[in-house]
């Protein structure tokens, strides 16, 4: 498949490398000239059958593309979609943005209706590092890659994108844009805010930083993310983030109240137990730990039910009438 990747930071750069290794015909573009130069230089040292090209404009990048993958921050999505329309692009468009409803609305307003298909996406992976220098073709191996199934999503194109992403080693999680945004507010966006608050508080005390070890390292890793990227994803998902943050603040308020009690040790135990049970049950899926695969109808209803149950797609049937999936047993 001819694929154009627009934006060559950590996610876009990793997608460029992974797609090239999967033997797609890939071309990349980034608005930053040094990033383009770095991507071009890296292609020259890659194996001959896993190289890519680098364009000097969006129009050049998408000229022959069957799929355009947007890997840019939310504020840049609208202008890039306009450039796709101006270039007369009429293929499949997806994205990697960490908030989906705003991108969905932008695509419906700015892409030519009936000519360009859009399927929202979000690979649930990343690092606190950014830029093309941090790109890794194995970044998506084993990760959840959400592909949105909204009422206007063309199912055939959804399957095309699913097959492409599965080829990168990812697990396809179907969800609506609204469901995605509610879920990531809890497990991604608010954790960025909490990690930043902890890091900022620790920074007030040099002794605290000198004593910091595993708990601080693991709990604040994402606080090292570029502030503009965190602001874009949290601000772009403000409704869901407000609700999730209120839930966390309310939960912490109960811990604060327990500390004021006559026996804070005893009162904290049930408060801590709830989160401990959830975290003890949770684990990243592994091939030797996953429930047996099942075959499901390839309908939007069946796919969305799979995502809501915490499951994922591992293979699309050749006729696209069914999928092979993993659906965890209820806890």
C-alpha atoms as a PDB file:
ATOM      1  CA  UNK A   1       0.000   0.000   0.000  1.00  0.00           C
ATOM      2  CA  UNK A   2       1.159   3.566  -0.706  1.00  0.00           C
ATOM      3  CA  UNK A   3       1.124   5.372   2.655  1.00  0.00           C
ATOM      4  CA  UNK A   4       1.960   8.965   3.549  1.00  0.00           C
ATOM      5  CA  UNK A   5       2.838   9.786   7.159  1.00  0.00           C
ATOM      6  CA  UNK A   6       2.397  13.455   8.030  1.00  0.00           C
ATOM      7  CA  UNK A   7       4.311  14.402  11.167  1.00  0.00           C
ATOM      8  CA  UNK A   8       7.535  12.581  12.023  1.00  0.00           C
ATOM      9  CA  UNK A   9       7.803  12.877  15.788  1.00  0.00           C
ATOM     10  CA  UNK A  10       7.882   9.864  18.096  1.00  0.00           C
ATOM     11  CA  UNK A  11       4.586   8.342  16.887  1.00  0.00           C
ATOM     12  CA  UNK A  12       4.761   9.401  13.250  1.00  0.00           C
ATOM     13  CA  UNK A  13       8.436   8.542  12.969  1.00  0.00           C
ATOM     14  CA  UNK A  14       7.838   5.130  14.524  1.00  0.00           C
ATOM     15  CA  UNK A  15       4.932   4.533  12.133  1.00  0.00           C
ATOM     16  CA  UNK A  16       7.138   5.504   9.189  1.00  0.00           C
ATOM     17  CA  UNK A  17       9.804   2.996  10.243  1.00  0.00           C
ATOM     18  CA  UNK A  18       7.324   0.222  11.072  1.00  0.00           C
ATOM     19  CA  UNK A  19       5.353   0.617   7.844  1.00  0.00           C
ATOM     20  CA  UNK A  20       8.552   0.575   5.799  1.00  0.00           C
ATOM     21  CA  UNK A  21       9.701  -2.600   7.578  1.00  0.00           C
ATOM     22  CA  UNK A  22       6.288  -4.106   6.730  1.00  0.00           C
ATOM     23  CA  UNK A  23       7.153  -3.433   3.052  1.00  0.00           C
ATOM     24  CA  UNK A  24       4.659  -0.677   2.386  1.00  0.00           C
ATOM     25  CA  UNK A  25       5.660   2.100  -0.009  1.00  0.00           C
ATOM     26  CA  UNK A  26       6.022   4.915   2.535  1.00  0.00           C
ATOM     27  CA  UNK A  27       6.701   8.619   2.249  1.00  0.00           C
ATOM     28  CA  UNK A  28       6.961  10.986   5.190  1.00  0.00           C
ATOM     29  CA  UNK A  29       6.613  14.704   5.698  1.00  0.00           C
ATOM     30  CA  UNK A  30       7.248  17.031   8.622  1.00  0.00           C
ATOM     31  CA  UNK A  31       6.938  20.804   8.753  1.00  0.00           C
ATOM     32  CA  UNK A  32      10.333  21.010  10.474  1.00  0.00           C
ATOM     33  CA  UNK A  33      13.222  20.945   7.939  1.00  0.00           C
ATOM     34  CA  UNK A  34      15.783  19.398  10.354  1.00  0.00           C
ATOM     35  CA  UNK A  35      13.313  16.592  11.086  1.00  0.00           C
ATOM     36  CA  UNK A  36      12.905  15.937   7.366  1.00  0.00           C
ATOM     37  CA  UNK A  37      16.683  15.860   6.981  1.00  0.00           C
ATOM     38  CA  UNK A  38      17.038  13.414   9.874  1.00  0.00           C
ATOM     39  CA  UNK A  39      14.359  11.138   8.417  1.00  0.00           C
ATOM     40  CA  UNK A  40      15.986  11.186   4.999  1.00  0.00           C
ATOM     41  CA  UNK A  41      19.418  10.415   6.459  1.00  0.00           C
ATOM     42  CA  UNK A  42      17.978   7.495   8.459  1.00  0.00           C
ATOM     43  CA  UNK A  43      16.409   6.041   5.326  1.00  0.00           C
ATOM     44  CA  UNK A  44      19.801   5.934   3.686  1.00  0.00           C
ATOM     45  CA  UNK A  45      21.129   3.625   6.400  1.00  0.00           C
ATOM     46  CA  UNK A  46      18.047   1.356   6.533  1.00  0.00           C
ATOM     47  CA  UNK A  47      17.961  -2.015   4.734  1.00  0.00           C
ATOM     48  CA  UNK A  48      17.200  -1.538   1.050  1.00  0.00           C
ATOM     49  CA  UNK A  49      13.790  -3.239   1.280  1.00  0.00           C
ATOM     50  CA  UNK A  50      12.720  -1.100   4.274  1.00  0.00           C
ATOM     51  CA  UNK A  51      13.526   2.410   3.105  1.00  0.00           C
ATOM     52  CA  UNK A  52      11.190   5.363   2.755  1.00  0.00           C
ATOM     53  CA  UNK A  53      11.041   8.668   0.963  1.00  0.00           C
ATOM     54  CA  UNK A  54      10.707  12.146   2.454  1.00  0.00           C
ATOM     55  CA  UNK A  55       8.582  14.859   0.840  1.00  0.00           C
ATOM     56  CA  UNK A  56       9.012  18.619   0.990  1.00  0.00           C
ATOM     57  CA  UNK A  57       5.290  19.405   1.175  1.00  0.00           C
ATOM     58  CA  UNK A  58       2.004  17.813   2.161  1.00  0.00           C
ATOM     59  CA  UNK A  59       0.848  17.875  -1.445  1.00  0.00           C
ATOM     60  CA  UNK A  60       3.948  15.986  -2.582  1.00  0.00           C
ATOM     61  CA  UNK A  61       3.552  13.439   0.229  1.00  0.00           C
ATOM     62  CA  UNK A  62      -0.076  12.566  -0.567  1.00  0.00           C
ATOM     63  CA  UNK A  63       0.156  12.627  -4.358  1.00  0.00           C
ATOM     64  CA  UNK A  64       0.235   8.815  -4.752  1.00  0.00           C
ATOM     65  CA  UNK A  65      -1.059   7.772  -1.340  1.00  0.00           C
ATOM     66  CA  UNK A  66      -3.824   5.260  -0.702  1.00  0.00           C
ATOM     67  CA  UNK A  67      -3.661   6.068   3.021  1.00  0.00           C
ATOM     68  CA  UNK A  68      -2.637   9.253   4.800  1.00  0.00           C
ATOM     69  CA  UNK A  69      -1.730   8.903   8.470  1.00  0.00           C
ATOM     70  CA  UNK A  70      -1.757  12.168  10.412  1.00  0.00           C
ATOM     71  CA  UNK A  71       0.633  12.085  13.371  1.00  0.00           C
ATOM     72  CA  UNK A  72       0.457  15.712  14.421  1.00  0.00           C
ATOM     73  CA  UNK A  73      -0.789  17.464  17.591  1.00  0.00           C
ATOM     74  CA  UNK A  74      -4.473  18.371  17.734  1.00  0.00           C
ATOM     75  CA  UNK A  75      -3.977  22.082  16.875  1.00  0.00           C
ATOM     76  CA  UNK A  76      -2.299  21.101  13.589  1.00  0.00           C
ATOM     77  CA  UNK A  77      -4.969  18.628  12.441  1.00  0.00           C
ATOM     78  CA  UNK A  78      -7.388  21.174  10.940  1.00  0.00           C
ATOM     79  CA  UNK A  79      -4.777  22.978   8.810  1.00  0.00           C
ATOM     80  CA  UNK A  80      -3.399  19.651   7.531  1.00  0.00           C
ATOM     81  CA  UNK A  81      -6.893  18.470   6.577  1.00  0.00           C
ATOM     82  CA  UNK A  82      -7.325  21.703   4.623  1.00  0.00           C
ATOM     83  CA  UNK A  83      -4.069  20.999   2.777  1.00  0.00           C
ATOM     84  CA  UNK A  84      -5.313  17.504   1.902  1.00  0.00           C
ATOM     85  CA  UNK A  85      -8.478  19.001   0.417  1.00  0.00           C
ATOM     86  CA  UNK A  86      -6.486  21.642  -1.453  1.00  0.00           C
ATOM     87  CA  UNK A  87      -4.279  18.883  -2.896  1.00  0.00           C
ATOM     88  CA  UNK A  88      -7.362  17.022  -4.163  1.00  0.00           C
ATOM     89  CA  UNK A  89      -6.648  13.957  -2.041  1.00  0.00           C
ATOM     90  CA  UNK A  90      -9.437  11.380  -2.223  1.00  0.00           C
ATOM     91  CA  UNK A  91      -8.184   8.291  -0.375  1.00  0.00           C
ATOM     92  CA  UNK A  92      -8.303   7.040   3.202  1.00  0.00           C
ATOM     93  CA  UNK A  93      -7.269   9.298   6.086  1.00  0.00           C
ATOM     94  CA  UNK A  94      -6.539   8.283   9.663  1.00  0.00           C
ATOM     95  CA  UNK A  95      -4.767   9.883  12.584  1.00  0.00           C
ATOM     96  CA  UNK A  96      -2.942   9.070  15.816  1.00  0.00           C
ATOM     97  CA  UNK A  97      -4.243  11.952  17.934  1.00  0.00           C
ATOM     98  CA  UNK A  98      -4.946  11.158  21.581  1.00  0.00           C
ATOM     99  CA  UNK A  99      -8.398  12.764  21.524  1.00  0.00           C
ATOM    100  CA  UNK A 100     -10.944  11.638  18.976  1.00  0.00           C
ATOM    101  CA  UNK A 101     -14.181  13.648  19.021  1.00  0.00           C
ATOM    102  CA  UNK A 102     -12.555  16.972  18.024  1.00  0.00           C
ATOM    103  CA  UNK A 103     -10.689  15.238  15.186  1.00  0.00           C
ATOM    104  CA  UNK A 104     -13.876  13.526  14.049  1.00  0.00           C
ATOM    105  CA  UNK A 105     -15.662  16.887  13.866  1.00  0.00           C
ATOM    106  CA  UNK A 106     -12.748  18.479  11.997  1.00  0.00           C
ATOM    107  CA  UNK A 107     -12.714  15.659   9.454  1.00  0.00           C
ATOM    108  CA  UNK A 108     -16.456  15.948   8.840  1.00  0.00           C
ATOM    109  CA  UNK A 109     -16.152  19.695   8.222  1.00  0.00           C
ATOM    110  CA  UNK A 110     -12.909  19.899   6.276  1.00  0.00           C
ATOM    111  CA  UNK A 111     -12.583  16.760   4.155  1.00  0.00           C
ATOM    112  CA  UNK A 112     -14.463  16.505   0.878  1.00  0.00           C
ATOM    113  CA  UNK A 113     -17.639  14.480   1.573  1.00  0.00           C
ATOM    114  CA  UNK A 114     -18.043  11.361  -0.529  1.00  0.00           C
ATOM    115  CA  UNK A 115     -14.463  11.575  -1.772  1.00  0.00           C
ATOM    116  CA  UNK A 116     -12.269  11.094   1.289  1.00  0.00           C
ATOM    117  CA  UNK A 117     -12.851   8.397   3.911  1.00  0.00           C
ATOM    118  CA  UNK A 118     -11.852   9.060   7.511  1.00  0.00           C
ATOM    119  CA  UNK A 119     -11.239   6.529  10.286  1.00  0.00           C
ATOM    120  CA  UNK A 120     -10.048   7.975  13.588  1.00  0.00           C
ATOM    121  CA  UNK A 121      -7.258   6.132  15.344  1.00  0.00           C
ATOM    122  CA  UNK A 122      -5.069   6.257  18.426  1.00  0.00           C
ATOM    123  CA  UNK A 123      -2.171   3.917  19.244  1.00  0.00           C
ATOM    124  CA  UNK A 124      -2.027   3.603  23.041  1.00  0.00           C
ATOM    125  CA  UNK A 125       1.734   3.718  23.297  1.00  0.00           C
ATOM    126  CA  UNK A 126       4.451   6.281  23.679  1.00  0.00           C
ATOM    127  CA  UNK A 127       7.364   7.491  25.708  1.00  0.00           C
ATOM    128  CA  UNK A 128       8.272  10.617  27.586  1.00  0.00           C
ATOM    129  CA  UNK A 129      10.801  11.316  24.815  1.00  0.00           C
ATOM    130  CA  UNK A 130       9.733  13.028  21.608  1.00  0.00           C
ATOM    131  CA  UNK A 131      11.015  13.712  18.124  1.00  0.00           C
ATOM    132  CA  UNK A 132      12.201  11.549  15.253  1.00  0.00           C
ATOM    133  CA  UNK A 133      15.365  10.620  17.153  1.00  0.00           C
ATOM    134  CA  UNK A 134      13.181   8.659  19.611  1.00  0.00           C
ATOM    135  CA  UNK A 135      11.311   6.759  16.865  1.00  0.00           C
ATOM    136  CA  UNK A 136      11.219   2.973  17.165  1.00  0.00           C
ATOM    137  CA  UNK A 137       9.685   0.565  14.613  1.00  0.00           C
ATOM    138  CA  UNK A 138       8.753  -1.795  17.476  1.00  0.00           C
ATOM    139  CA  UNK A 139       6.814   0.860  19.387  1.00  0.00           C
ATOM    140  CA  UNK A 140       3.440  -0.578  18.347  1.00  0.00           C
ATOM    141  CA  UNK A 141       4.181  -4.255  19.032  1.00  0.00           C
ATOM    142  CA  UNK A 142       1.506  -5.516  21.413  1.00  0.00           C
ATOM    143  CA  UNK A 143      -0.072  -2.102  21.944  1.00  0.00           C
ATOM    144  CA  UNK A 144      -3.772  -1.254  21.795  1.00  0.00           C
ATOM    145  CA  UNK A 145      -4.558   0.762  18.673  1.00  0.00           C
ATOM    146  CA  UNK A 146      -8.054   2.201  18.887  1.00  0.00           C
ATOM    147  CA  UNK A 147      -9.884   2.454  15.569  1.00  0.00           C
ATOM    148  CA  UNK A 148     -13.070   4.460  15.860  1.00  0.00           C
ATOM    149  CA  UNK A 149     -16.371   3.129  14.592  1.00  0.00           C
ATOM    150  CA  UNK A 150     -18.763   6.062  14.469  1.00  0.00           C
ATOM    151  CA  UNK A 151     -22.045   6.055  12.503  1.00  0.00           C
ATOM    152  CA  UNK A 152     -20.400   7.643   9.467  1.00  0.00           C
ATOM    153  CA  UNK A 153     -17.277   5.417   9.510  1.00  0.00           C
ATOM    154  CA  UNK A 154     -16.997   3.356   6.291  1.00  0.00           C
ATOM    155  CA  UNK A 155     -16.690  -0.244   7.481  1.00  0.00           C
ATOM    156  CA  UNK A 156     -14.706  -1.461   4.475  1.00  0.00           C
ATOM    157  CA  UNK A 157     -12.092   1.241   5.027  1.00  0.00           C
ATOM    158  CA  UNK A 158     -12.074   0.445   8.744  1.00  0.00           C
ATOM    159  CA  UNK A 159     -11.096  -3.127   7.849  1.00  0.00           C
ATOM    160  CA  UNK A 160      -8.387  -1.876   5.469  1.00  0.00           C
ATOM    161  CA  UNK A 161      -6.845   0.188   8.234  1.00  0.00           C
ATOM    162  CA  UNK A 162      -7.242  -2.630  10.765  1.00  0.00           C
ATOM    163  CA  UNK A 163      -5.336  -5.041   8.522  1.00  0.00           C
ATOM    164  CA  UNK A 164      -2.559  -2.485   8.062  1.00  0.00           C
ATOM    165  CA  UNK A 165      -2.210  -1.812  11.793  1.00  0.00           C
ATOM    166  CA  UNK A 166      -2.340  -5.504  12.715  1.00  0.00           C
ATOM    167  CA  UNK A 167       0.619  -5.881  10.370  1.00  0.00           C
ATOM    168  CA  UNK A 168       2.578  -3.618  12.732  1.00  0.00           C
ATOM    169  CA  UNK A 169       1.930  -5.962  15.652  1.00  0.00           C
ATOM    170  CA  UNK A 170      -0.824  -3.924  17.305  1.00  0.00           C
ATOM    171  CA  UNK A 171      -4.134  -5.077  18.796  1.00  0.00           C
ATOM    172  CA  UNK A 172      -7.191  -3.365  17.285  1.00  0.00           C
ATOM    173  CA  UNK A 173      -9.692  -2.027  19.824  1.00  0.00           C
ATOM    174  CA  UNK A 174     -12.987  -0.831  18.280  1.00  0.00           C
ATOM    175  CA  UNK A 175     -14.714   2.102  20.005  1.00  0.00           C
ATOM    176  CA  UNK A 176     -16.751   5.179  19.222  1.00  0.00           C
ATOM    177  CA  UNK A 177     -14.984   8.512  19.445  1.00  0.00           C
ATOM    178  CA  UNK A 178     -16.936   9.442  22.573  1.00  0.00           C
ATOM    179  CA  UNK A 179     -16.139   6.118  24.279  1.00  0.00           C
ATOM    180  CA  UNK A 180     -12.466   6.547  23.477  1.00  0.00           C
ATOM    181  CA  UNK A 181     -12.304  10.041  24.910  1.00  0.00           C
ATOM    182  CA  UNK A 182     -13.994   9.029  28.173  1.00  0.00           C
ATOM    183  CA  UNK A 183     -11.648   6.071  28.609  1.00  0.00           C
ATOM    184  CA  UNK A 184      -8.370   7.842  27.849  1.00  0.00           C
ATOM    185  CA  UNK A 185      -9.279  10.701  30.164  1.00  0.00           C
ATOM    186  CA  UNK A 186      -9.070   8.193  33.026  1.00  0.00           C
ATOM    187  CA  UNK A 187      -6.047   6.119  31.997  1.00  0.00           C
ATOM    188  CA  UNK A 188      -3.917   8.666  30.119  1.00  0.00           C
ATOM    189  CA  UNK A 189      -4.864  12.317  30.361  1.00  0.00           C
ATOM    190  CA  UNK A 190      -5.522  12.657  34.098  1.00  0.00           C
ATOM    191  CA  UNK A 191      -2.415  10.549  34.923  1.00  0.00           C
ATOM    192  CA  UNK A 192      -0.358  13.146  33.049  1.00  0.00           C
ATOM    193  CA  UNK A 193      -1.845  15.887  35.229  1.00  0.00           C
ATOM    194  CA  UNK A 194      -1.369  13.920  38.455  1.00  0.00           C
ATOM    195  CA  UNK A 195       2.214  12.993  37.568  1.00  0.00           C
ATOM    196  CA  UNK A 196       3.005  16.627  36.837  1.00  0.00           C
ATOM    197  CA  UNK A 197       1.513  17.736  40.164  1.00  0.00           C
ATOM    198  CA  UNK A 198       3.591  15.183  42.075  1.00  0.00           C
ATOM    199  CA  UNK A 199       6.774  16.153  40.227  1.00  0.00           C
ATOM    200  CA  UNK A 200       6.160  19.858  40.814  1.00  0.00           C
ATOM    201  CA  UNK A 201       5.538  19.275  44.535  1.00  0.00           C
ATOM    202  CA  UNK A 202       8.697  17.194  44.881  1.00  0.00           C
ATOM    203  CA  UNK A 203      10.639  19.920  43.141  1.00  0.00           C
ATOM    204  CA  UNK A 204      10.014  22.221  46.099  1.00  0.00           C
ATOM    205  CA  UNK A 205      12.250  20.065  48.323  1.00  0.00           C
ATOM    206  CA  UNK A 206      15.789  19.106  47.211  1.00  0.00           C
ATOM    207  CA  UNK A 207      15.899  16.428  49.912  1.00  0.00           C
ATOM    208  CA  UNK A 208      12.751  14.810  48.501  1.00  0.00           C
ATOM    209  CA  UNK A 209      14.308  14.611  45.046  1.00  0.00           C
ATOM    210  CA  UNK A 210      17.493  13.111  46.434  1.00  0.00           C
ATOM    211  CA  UNK A 211      15.468  10.369  48.148  1.00  0.00           C
ATOM    212  CA  UNK A 212      13.204   9.697  45.173  1.00  0.00           C
ATOM    213  CA  UNK A 213      13.357   6.137  43.861  1.00  0.00           C
ATOM    214  CA  UNK A 214      11.044   3.671  42.126  1.00  0.00           C
ATOM    215  CA  UNK A 215       7.682   5.040  43.248  1.00  0.00           C
ATOM    216  CA  UNK A 216       8.584   8.549  42.132  1.00  0.00           C
ATOM    217  CA  UNK A 217      10.171   7.325  38.893  1.00  0.00           C
ATOM    218  CA  UNK A 218       7.211   5.174  37.859  1.00  0.00           C
ATOM    219  CA  UNK A 219       4.545   7.575  39.080  1.00  0.00           C
ATOM    220  CA  UNK A 220       5.971  10.647  37.355  1.00  0.00           C
ATOM    221  CA  UNK A 221       7.456   9.256  34.136  1.00  0.00           C
ATOM    222  CA  UNK A 222       4.950  11.012  31.907  1.00  0.00           C
ATOM    223  CA  UNK A 223       5.592  14.339  33.637  1.00  0.00           C
ATOM    224  CA  UNK A 224       8.676  14.545  31.417  1.00  0.00           C
ATOM    225  CA  UNK A 225       6.439  14.848  28.326  1.00  0.00           C
ATOM    226  CA  UNK A 226       6.530  18.157  26.462  1.00  0.00           C
ATOM    227  CA  UNK A 227       4.001  20.519  28.109  1.00  0.00           C
ATOM    228  CA  UNK A 228       2.493  21.632  24.796  1.00  0.00           C
ATOM    229  CA  UNK A 229       1.643  18.029  23.891  1.00  0.00           C
ATOM    230  CA  UNK A 230      -0.029  17.369  27.249  1.00  0.00           C
ATOM    231  CA  UNK A 231      -1.923  20.665  27.087  1.00  0.00           C
ATOM    232  CA  UNK A 232      -3.219  19.815  23.613  1.00  0.00           C
ATOM    233  CA  UNK A 233      -4.542  16.386  24.601  1.00  0.00           C
ATOM    234  CA  UNK A 234      -6.022  17.424  27.961  1.00  0.00           C
ATOM    235  CA  UNK A 235      -7.446  20.699  26.684  1.00  0.00           C
ATOM    236  CA  UNK A 236      -8.799  19.004  23.578  1.00  0.00           C
ATOM    237  CA  UNK A 237     -10.612  16.485  25.768  1.00  0.00           C
ATOM    238  CA  UNK A 238     -11.640  18.972  28.437  1.00  0.00           C
ATOM    239  CA  UNK A 239     -15.166  17.665  29.125  1.00  0.00           C
ATOM    240  CA  UNK A 240     -14.052  14.095  29.799  1.00  0.00           C
ATOM    241  CA  UNK A 241     -10.901  15.200  31.633  1.00  0.00           C
ATOM    242  CA  UNK A 242     -12.882  17.474  33.957  1.00  0.00           C
ATOM    243  CA  UNK A 243     -15.151  14.588  34.925  1.00  0.00           C
ATOM    244  CA  UNK A 244     -12.275  12.137  35.419  1.00  0.00           C
ATOM    245  CA  UNK A 245     -10.237  14.672  37.379  1.00  0.00           C
ATOM    246  CA  UNK A 246     -13.201  15.380  39.648  1.00  0.00           C
ATOM    247  CA  UNK A 247     -13.446  11.632  40.323  1.00  0.00           C
ATOM    248  CA  UNK A 248      -9.758  11.432  41.258  1.00  0.00           C
ATOM    249  CA  UNK A 249      -9.908  14.572  43.399  1.00  0.00           C
ATOM    250  CA  UNK A 250     -12.991  13.204  45.187  1.00  0.00           C
ATOM    251  CA  UNK A 251     -11.180   9.933  45.815  1.00  0.00           C
ATOM    252  CA  UNK A 252      -8.130  11.744  47.193  1.00  0.00           C
ATOM    253  CA  UNK A 253     -10.383  13.867  49.404  1.00  0.00           C
ATOM    254  CA  UNK A 254     -11.527  10.659  51.098  1.00  0.00           C
ATOM    255  CA  UNK A 255      -7.917   9.726  51.771  1.00  0.00           C
ATOM    256  CA  UNK A 256      -7.327  13.205  53.171  1.00  0.00           C
ATOM    257  CA  UNK A 257     -10.318  12.781  55.470  1.00  0.00           C
ATOM    258  CA  UNK A 258      -8.985   9.433  56.663  1.00  0.00           C
ATOM    259  CA  UNK A 259      -5.711  11.088  57.621  1.00  0.00           C
ATOM    260  CA  UNK A 260      -7.667  13.466  59.855  1.00  0.00           C
ATOM    261  CA  UNK A 261      -9.387  10.596  61.657  1.00  0.00           C
ATOM    262  CA  UNK A 262      -8.492   9.218  65.081  1.00  0.00           C
ATOM    263  CA  UNK A 263      -6.965   6.049  63.535  1.00  0.00           C
ATOM    264  CA  UNK A 264      -5.658   6.968  60.056  1.00  0.00           C
ATOM    265  CA  UNK A 265      -3.880   3.632  59.557  1.00  0.00           C
ATOM    266  CA  UNK A 266      -7.064   1.636  60.010  1.00  0.00           C
ATOM    267  CA  UNK A 267      -9.179   4.089  58.028  1.00  0.00           C
ATOM    268  CA  UNK A 268      -6.811   4.106  55.047  1.00  0.00           C
ATOM    269  CA  UNK A 269      -6.860   0.338  54.562  1.00  0.00           C
ATOM    270  CA  UNK A 270     -10.300   0.049  52.869  1.00  0.00           C
ATOM    271  CA  UNK A 271      -9.571   3.154  50.805  1.00  0.00           C
ATOM    272  CA  UNK A 272      -6.323   1.627  49.538  1.00  0.00           C
ATOM    273  CA  UNK A 273      -7.830  -1.825  49.018  1.00  0.00           C
ATOM    274  CA  UNK A 274     -10.139  -0.754  46.189  1.00  0.00           C
ATOM    275  CA  UNK A 275      -7.346   0.542  43.982  1.00  0.00           C
ATOM    276  CA  UNK A 276      -5.077  -2.335  44.977  1.00  0.00           C
ATOM    277  CA  UNK A 277      -7.621  -4.884  43.741  1.00  0.00           C
ATOM    278  CA  UNK A 278      -8.016  -3.133  40.381  1.00  0.00           C
ATOM    279  CA  UNK A 279      -4.274  -2.792  39.845  1.00  0.00           C
ATOM    280  CA  UNK A 280      -3.587  -6.379  40.900  1.00  0.00           C
ATOM    281  CA  UNK A 281      -6.050  -7.680  38.291  1.00  0.00           C
ATOM    282  CA  UNK A 282      -4.773  -5.466  35.498  1.00  0.00           C
ATOM    283  CA  UNK A 283      -1.930  -6.547  33.256  1.00  0.00           C
ATOM    284  CA  UNK A 284      -0.795  -5.854  29.737  1.00  0.00           C
ATOM    285  CA  UNK A 285      -1.969  -8.770  27.585  1.00  0.00           C
ATOM    286  CA  UNK A 286       0.613 -11.358  26.629  1.00  0.00           C
ATOM    287  CA  UNK A 287       0.251 -14.167  24.114  1.00  0.00           C
ATOM    288  CA  UNK A 288       0.639 -16.842  26.788  1.00  0.00           C
ATOM    289  CA  UNK A 289      -1.878 -15.203  29.129  1.00  0.00           C
ATOM    290  CA  UNK A 290      -4.682 -14.169  26.796  1.00  0.00           C
ATOM    291  CA  UNK A 291      -8.012 -16.032  26.708  1.00  0.00           C
ATOM    292  CA  UNK A 292      -8.621 -18.256  23.668  1.00  0.00           C
ATOM    293  CA  UNK A 293      -9.399 -16.464  20.411  1.00  0.00           C
ATOM    294  CA  UNK A 294     -12.996 -16.357  19.207  1.00  0.00           C
ATOM    295  CA  UNK A 295     -14.604 -15.655  15.838  1.00  0.00           C
ATOM    296  CA  UNK A 296     -17.067 -12.758  15.747  1.00  0.00           C
ATOM    297  CA  UNK A 297     -19.224 -11.216  13.022  1.00  0.00           C
ATOM    298  CA  UNK A 298     -17.556  -8.292  11.293  1.00  0.00           C
ATOM    299  CA  UNK A 299     -20.451  -5.938  12.025  1.00  0.00           C
ATOM    300  CA  UNK A 300     -20.206  -2.558  13.788  1.00  0.00           C
ATOM    301  CA  UNK A 301     -22.449  -3.828  16.579  1.00  0.00           C
ATOM    302  CA  UNK A 302     -20.299  -6.906  17.264  1.00  0.00           C
ATOM    303  CA  UNK A 303     -17.054  -4.954  16.980  1.00  0.00           C
ATOM    304  CA  UNK A 304     -18.179  -2.216  19.376  1.00  0.00           C
ATOM    305  CA  UNK A 305     -19.477  -4.792  21.857  1.00  0.00           C
ATOM    306  CA  UNK A 306     -16.041  -6.414  21.748  1.00  0.00           C
ATOM    307  CA  UNK A 307     -14.309  -3.130  22.554  1.00  0.00           C
ATOM    308  CA  UNK A 308     -16.713  -2.349  25.403  1.00  0.00           C
ATOM    309  CA  UNK A 309     -15.959  -5.768  26.908  1.00  0.00           C
ATOM    310  CA  UNK A 310     -12.228  -4.991  26.923  1.00  0.00           C
ATOM    311  CA  UNK A 311     -11.433  -7.134  23.886  1.00  0.00           C
ATOM    312  CA  UNK A 312      -9.502  -6.625  20.685  1.00  0.00           C
ATOM    313  CA  UNK A 313      -9.215  -7.830  17.089  1.00  0.00           C
ATOM    314  CA  UNK A 314      -6.221  -9.901  16.016  1.00  0.00           C
ATOM    315  CA  UNK A 315      -7.188 -10.803  12.444  1.00  0.00           C
ATOM    316  CA  UNK A 316      -9.664  -9.778   9.771  1.00  0.00           C
ATOM    317  CA  UNK A 317     -11.104 -12.564   7.616  1.00  0.00           C
ATOM    318  CA  UNK A 318     -10.353 -12.398   3.899  1.00  0.00           C
ATOM    319  CA  UNK A 319     -14.018 -11.802   3.084  1.00  0.00           C
ATOM    320  CA  UNK A 320     -14.261  -9.212   5.886  1.00  0.00           C
ATOM    321  CA  UNK A 321     -17.421 -10.825   7.200  1.00  0.00           C
ATOM    322  CA  UNK A 322     -15.816 -11.920  10.455  1.00  0.00           C
ATOM    323  CA  UNK A 323     -12.834 -11.233  12.700  1.00  0.00           C
ATOM    324  CA  UNK A 324     -10.685 -13.250  15.038  1.00  0.00           C
ATOM    325  CA  UNK A 325     -10.720 -11.598  18.440  1.00  0.00           C
ATOM    326  CA  UNK A 326      -9.770 -11.947  22.067  1.00  0.00           C
ATOM    327  CA  UNK A 327     -12.456 -11.178  24.618  1.00  0.00           C
ATOM    328  CA  UNK A 328     -11.325 -11.287  28.269  1.00  0.00           C
ATOM    329  CA  UNK A 329     -13.452 -13.178  30.731  1.00  0.00           C
ATOM    330  CA  UNK A 330     -15.406 -10.929  33.126  1.00  0.00           C
ATOM    331  CA  UNK A 331     -13.487 -10.358  36.360  1.00  0.00           C
END
